[in-house]
Amino acid sequence: MDQPTVGILHPGSMGAAVAACAATNAAEVLWCETGRSTASVERAARFGLTAVATLAELLDRSDIVISLCPPAAAEDLARDVAGHRFAGMYVEANAINPERAKRIAVLLEHGATIVDGGVVGSPPVGGKTPTLYLSGPASATDRVEALFAGTAVRTALLGTDIGKASALKLSYAAFQKTSRVLVALAIGMAREHGVDQELIEVASRRTDSYLSEPKYVAKTAARAWRWGPELEEAADALAAAGLPPEMLRAAASTLARWTDAKDDSELTLTDALDRLVQP
């Protein structure tokens, strides 16, 4: 099979790194620079992606489009793509709930081939090897699997049903991200009583405890702008399954207190905990 041209929507920290891996087996990887930030421009250049001026041009030239954006924007973005009558393969790889994935599939069903995807793990840089879980038509998922063959992005096929990959991603995110929020709350409460170091010492005796990694709280705060919407999506998925969503909604509400810490790599544990406290 000829090498496909791939379009990435949009080159954030995960999207750009995943797109760079796809470039190994693609003729070219495109991104649309219109309306994007300086940081996106610099990131895309660093990963060797090719800029195009408009979404229409990206869609006209792309055989495969990968959508990796903040969850809240996923459906609107798919609607924009559908408006251009895209007829290639659309990999919906966002952290969205299964029902939203199915709605997106309906939006694009007249022409495009839909693959449901979910990335579990950190961006594929510095030795990290996330897994892209895929569900959808076998011929399409096989093609995506071939696109990432031999790269730092592993792939795993979950069958033909749209929504399975999204469900797996959100199930994992629900545990992982809520656990990190609980770490922040536990250390914050202990700090109020002057026993935070003792709490960390207790947790350090258990090698499988997030509490033994307090420095990760600052990283959680910097990622809260992305993680909060993911947990809202996961809460919707719980509600749709008849399960109580309140715990995840509460975690998302806690993450919202860190919204202004977006991607702040200089944030300290003390800064992050201070931002949780409302006067």
Protein backbone atom coordinates (compact mmCIF):
# COMPACT_ATOMS: atom_id res chain seq x y z
CA MET A 1 0.00 0.00 0.00
CA ASP A 2 1.24 3.48 -0.85
CA GLN A 3 2.23 5.70 2.03
CA PRO A 4 -0.77 7.84 3.03
CA THR A 5 -0.84 11.57 3.67
CA VAL A 6 -1.93 12.20 7.25
CA GLY A 7 -3.58 15.27 8.76
CA ILE A 8 -3.39 15.97 12.51
CA LEU A 9 -6.07 17.97 14.34
CA HIS A 10 -4.35 19.55 16.32
CA PRO A 11 -0.64 19.40 17.25
CA GLY A 12 -0.80 19.69 21.03
CA SER A 13 1.76 17.90 23.18
CA MET A 14 0.17 14.51 22.49
CA GLY A 15 -1.04 15.21 18.95
CA ALA A 16 2.28 16.51 17.66
CA ALA A 17 4.26 13.61 19.10
CA VAL A 18 1.80 11.02 17.78
CA ALA A 19 1.83 12.73 14.37
CA ALA A 20 5.63 12.60 14.31
CA CYS A 21 5.46 8.84 14.84
CA ALA A 22 2.92 8.52 12.03
CA ALA A 23 5.36 10.36 9.77
CA THR A 24 7.60 7.28 9.85
CA ASN A 25 5.16 5.44 7.58
CA ALA A 26 3.39 8.38 5.91
CA ALA A 27 4.20 10.36 2.80
CA GLU A 28 3.60 13.59 4.73
CA VAL A 29 1.91 14.80 7.91
CA LEU A 30 -0.09 18.03 7.63
CA TRP A 31 -1.52 20.43 10.17
CA CYS A 32 -3.62 23.58 9.82
CA GLU A 33 -1.92 26.67 11.22
CA THR A 34 -4.92 29.03 10.99
CA GLY A 35 -5.96 30.25 14.43
CA ARG A 36 -3.31 28.25 16.27
CA SER A 37 -0.98 29.61 18.93
CA THR A 38 2.70 30.42 18.64
CA ALA A 39 3.37 27.40 20.85
CA SER A 40 1.55 25.16 18.35
CA VAL A 41 3.55 26.60 15.46
CA GLU A 42 6.83 25.98 17.28
CA ARG A 43 5.77 22.49 18.35
CA ALA A 44 4.72 21.49 14.84
CA ALA A 45 8.01 22.76 13.43
CA ARG A 46 9.97 20.86 16.06
CA PHE A 47 8.24 17.61 15.11
CA GLY A 48 8.65 18.19 11.38
CA LEU A 49 4.98 18.62 10.48
CA THR A 50 3.94 20.43 7.28
CA ALA A 51 1.74 23.52 7.72
CA VAL A 52 -1.23 24.24 5.46
CA ALA A 53 -3.32 27.39 5.48
CA THR A 54 -6.83 26.01 5.83
CA LEU A 55 -8.76 23.02 7.15
CA ALA A 56 -10.16 22.53 3.64
CA GLU A 57 -6.66 22.11 2.21
CA LEU A 58 -5.69 19.66 4.95
CA LEU A 59 -8.79 17.56 4.31
CA ASP A 60 -8.41 17.66 0.53
CA ARG A 61 -4.84 16.38 0.75
CA SER A 62 -5.19 13.86 3.59
CA ASP A 63 -5.99 10.16 3.30
CA ILE A 64 -6.12 9.77 7.09
CA VAL A 65 -7.05 12.45 9.62
CA ILE A 66 -6.27 11.98 13.31
CA SER A 67 -8.25 14.10 15.78
CA LEU A 68 -6.42 14.74 19.07
CA CYS A 69 -7.78 17.83 20.78
CA PRO A 70 -9.34 18.85 24.13
CA PRO A 71 -12.41 16.63 24.68
CA ALA A 72 -14.89 19.50 24.71
CA ALA A 73 -13.87 20.49 21.18
CA ALA A 74 -14.01 17.01 19.63
CA GLU A 75 -17.59 17.07 18.40
CA ASP A 76 -17.46 20.59 16.98
CA LEU A 77 -14.24 19.73 15.19
CA ALA A 78 -15.81 16.61 13.69
CA ARG A 79 -18.78 18.73 12.59
CA ASP A 80 -16.40 21.10 10.79
CA VAL A 81 -14.76 18.15 9.05
CA ALA A 82 -18.15 16.74 8.06
CA GLY A 83 -19.06 20.13 6.58
CA HIS A 84 -16.16 19.76 4.15
CA ARG A 85 -17.48 16.32 3.07
CA PHE A 86 -14.24 14.57 4.03
CA ALA A 87 -14.15 11.16 2.38
CA GLY A 88 -11.00 9.63 3.88
CA MET A 89 -10.37 7.87 7.19
CA TYR A 90 -11.13 9.80 10.40
CA VAL A 91 -9.43 8.54 13.57
CA GLU A 92 -11.36 9.97 16.53
CA ALA A 93 -8.64 9.61 19.18
CA ASN A 94 -9.89 12.03 21.83
CA ALA A 95 -10.70 11.28 25.46
CA ILE A 96 -14.47 11.31 24.96
CA ASN A 97 -17.27 9.09 26.17
CA PRO A 98 -18.55 6.26 23.95
CA GLU A 99 -21.86 7.98 23.18
CA ARG A 100 -20.05 11.07 21.92
CA ALA A 101 -17.80 8.83 19.78
CA LYS A 102 -20.91 7.27 18.24
CA ARG A 103 -22.43 10.69 17.55
CA ILE A 104 -19.24 11.73 15.78
CA ALA A 105 -19.38 8.56 13.71
CA VAL A 106 -22.91 9.49 12.63
CA LEU A 107 -21.78 13.02 11.73
CA LEU A 108 -19.13 11.63 9.40
CA GLU A 109 -20.81 8.47 8.15
CA HIS A 110 -21.68 9.89 4.73
CA GLY A 111 -18.30 9.53 3.08
CA ALA A 112 -15.65 9.07 5.76
CA THR A 113 -14.51 5.83 7.38
CA ILE A 114 -14.53 6.17 11.19
CA VAL A 115 -12.05 4.63 13.61
CA ASP A 116 -12.57 5.05 17.35
CA GLY A 117 -9.28 5.54 19.19
CA GLY A 118 -7.95 6.17 22.67
CA VAL A 119 -4.36 6.90 23.70
CA VAL A 120 -3.29 5.48 27.05
CA GLY A 121 0.05 6.74 28.32
CA SER A 122 2.30 9.77 27.97
CA PRO A 123 3.26 11.41 24.64
CA PRO A 124 5.73 9.24 22.69
CA VAL A 125 8.89 11.22 23.42
CA GLY A 126 11.90 10.52 25.62
CA GLY A 127 11.44 6.77 25.52
CA LYS A 128 7.71 6.81 26.37
CA THR A 129 5.59 4.27 24.47
CA PRO A 130 1.85 4.95 24.76
CA THR A 131 -0.73 2.57 23.34
CA LEU A 132 -3.32 3.68 20.80
CA TYR A 133 -6.35 1.45 21.26
CA LEU A 134 -8.54 1.14 18.17
CA SER A 135 -12.03 -0.06 17.35
CA GLY A 136 -13.90 0.10 14.08
CA PRO A 137 -13.95 -1.60 10.67
CA ALA A 138 -11.18 -4.20 10.50
CA SER A 139 -9.72 -2.90 7.25
CA ALA A 140 -9.49 0.61 8.74
CA THR A 141 -7.98 -0.36 12.08
CA ASP A 142 -5.46 -2.55 10.25
CA ARG A 143 -4.42 0.48 8.22
CA VAL A 144 -3.95 2.62 11.32
CA GLU A 145 -1.97 -0.21 12.91
CA ALA A 146 0.31 -0.23 9.83
CA LEU A 147 0.70 3.55 10.05
CA PHE A 148 2.32 3.23 13.49
CA ALA A 149 4.26 0.01 12.88
CA GLY A 150 7.81 0.24 14.19
CA THR A 151 7.19 3.50 16.08
CA ALA A 152 6.94 4.48 19.73
CA VAL A 153 3.14 4.37 19.46
CA ARG A 154 1.93 0.86 20.10
CA THR A 155 -1.48 -0.17 18.79
CA ALA A 156 -4.06 -2.62 20.08
CA LEU A 157 -7.26 -3.63 18.29
CA LEU A 158 -10.50 -3.97 20.27
CA GLY A 159 -12.92 -5.14 17.60
CA THR A 160 -15.29 -3.43 15.24
CA ASP A 161 -17.67 -1.57 17.58
CA ILE A 162 -17.30 2.22 17.69
CA GLY A 163 -17.05 3.33 21.31
CA LYS A 164 -14.95 0.48 22.70
CA ALA A 165 -11.65 2.35 22.46
CA SER A 166 -13.20 5.46 23.98
CA ALA A 167 -14.66 3.39 26.81
CA LEU A 168 -11.29 1.83 27.63
CA LYS A 169 -9.53 5.20 27.58
CA LEU A 170 -12.08 6.82 29.91
CA SER A 171 -12.19 3.83 32.25
CA TYR A 172 -8.44 4.13 32.76
CA ALA A 173 -8.52 7.93 32.94
CA ALA A 174 -11.28 7.81 35.56
CA PHE A 175 -9.03 5.88 37.94
CA GLN A 176 -5.68 7.45 37.13
CA LYS A 177 -6.68 11.10 37.11
CA THR A 178 -9.07 10.93 40.07
CA SER A 179 -6.37 9.19 42.10
CA ARG A 180 -3.99 12.07 41.40
CA VAL A 181 -6.62 14.57 42.55
CA LEU A 182 -7.10 12.59 45.77
CA VAL A 183 -3.35 12.82 46.39
CA ALA A 184 -3.54 16.60 46.23
CA LEU A 185 -6.50 16.70 48.63
CA ALA A 186 -4.90 14.28 51.08
CA ILE A 187 -1.58 16.16 51.19
CA GLY A 188 -3.40 19.48 51.38
CA MET A 189 -5.40 18.34 54.41
CA ALA A 190 -2.29 16.91 56.08
CA ARG A 191 -0.39 20.15 55.45
CA GLU A 192 -3.11 22.12 57.20
CA HIS A 193 -2.33 20.13 60.33
CA GLY A 194 1.44 20.07 59.89
CA VAL A 195 1.71 16.35 59.17
CA ASP A 196 2.20 16.35 55.39
CA GLN A 197 5.75 14.99 55.53
CA GLU A 198 4.63 12.25 57.90
CA LEU A 199 1.83 11.32 55.48
CA ILE A 200 4.30 11.08 52.61
CA GLU A 201 6.60 8.94 54.76
CA VAL A 202 3.72 6.58 55.56
CA ALA A 203 2.83 6.34 51.87
CA SER A 204 6.44 5.78 50.82
CA ARG A 205 6.37 2.42 52.59
CA ARG A 206 3.92 1.31 49.91
CA THR A 207 5.56 1.25 46.49
CA ASP A 208 2.19 1.27 44.72
CA SER A 209 0.83 4.44 46.37
CA TYR A 210 0.41 7.72 44.46
CA LEU A 211 0.77 9.42 47.83
CA SER A 212 4.46 8.55 47.74
CA GLU A 213 4.82 10.80 44.66
CA PRO A 214 3.77 14.24 45.97
CA LYS A 215 5.80 16.10 43.36
CA TYR A 216 3.34 14.82 40.77
CA VAL A 217 0.68 17.10 42.24
CA ALA A 218 2.25 20.09 40.45
CA LYS A 219 2.16 18.18 37.16
CA THR A 220 -1.48 17.35 37.81
CA ALA A 221 -2.22 21.06 38.33
CA ALA A 222 -0.51 21.97 35.06
CA ARG A 223 -2.59 19.38 33.20
CA ALA A 224 -5.88 20.17 34.95
CA TRP A 225 -7.23 22.13 31.99
CA ARG A 226 -7.18 18.91 29.97
CA TRP A 227 -7.89 16.38 32.70
CA GLY A 228 -11.02 18.11 34.04
CA PRO A 229 -12.97 17.80 30.77
CA GLU A 230 -11.79 14.19 30.45
CA LEU A 231 -13.29 13.37 33.85
CA GLU A 232 -16.53 15.11 32.87
CA GLU A 233 -16.63 12.84 29.81
CA ALA A 234 -15.96 9.83 32.05
CA ALA A 235 -18.72 10.97 34.42
CA ASP A 236 -21.15 11.10 31.49
CA ALA A 237 -20.12 7.57 30.57
CA LEU A 238 -20.75 6.38 34.14
CA ALA A 239 -24.17 8.03 34.18
CA ALA A 240 -25.04 6.42 30.83
CA ALA A 241 -24.16 3.04 32.35
CA GLY A 242 -26.38 3.66 35.37
CA LEU A 243 -23.38 4.17 37.66
CA PRO A 244 -22.95 7.15 40.03
CA PRO A 245 -20.94 9.95 38.35
CA GLU A 246 -20.64 12.24 41.37
CA MET A 247 -17.09 11.25 42.39
CA LEU A 248 -15.66 12.07 38.97
CA ARG A 249 -17.63 15.32 38.72
CA ALA A 250 -16.24 16.34 42.11
CA ALA A 251 -12.70 15.54 40.94
CA ALA A 252 -13.30 17.61 37.80
CA SER A 253 -14.52 20.47 39.98
CA THR A 254 -11.32 20.27 42.01
CA LEU A 255 -9.23 20.32 38.85
CA ALA A 256 -11.07 23.47 37.75
CA ARG A 257 -9.35 25.34 40.59
CA TRP A 258 -6.08 24.80 38.72
CA THR A 259 -7.30 26.10 35.35
CA ASP A 260 -4.97 29.11 35.47
CA ALA A 261 -1.96 26.82 35.96
CA LYS A 262 -2.23 25.58 32.36
CA ASP A 263 1.03 23.91 31.25
CA ASP A 264 3.03 25.74 33.97
CA SER A 265 6.25 23.72 34.12
CA GLU A 266 7.62 25.91 36.93
CA LEU A 267 4.78 25.17 39.36
CA THR A 268 5.85 23.72 42.73
CA LEU A 269 3.96 21.43 45.09
CA THR A 270 3.42 24.35 47.47
CA ASP A 271 2.08 26.56 44.67
CA ALA A 272 -0.30 23.85 43.50
CA LEU A 273 -1.66 23.19 46.99
CA ASP A 274 -2.04 26.92 47.67
CA ARG A 275 -4.18 27.27 44.53
CA LEU A 276 -6.59 24.64 45.82
CA VAL A 277 -7.38 26.70 48.89
CA GLN A 278 -10.20 29.19 48.47
CA PRO A 279 -10.28 32.20 50.80
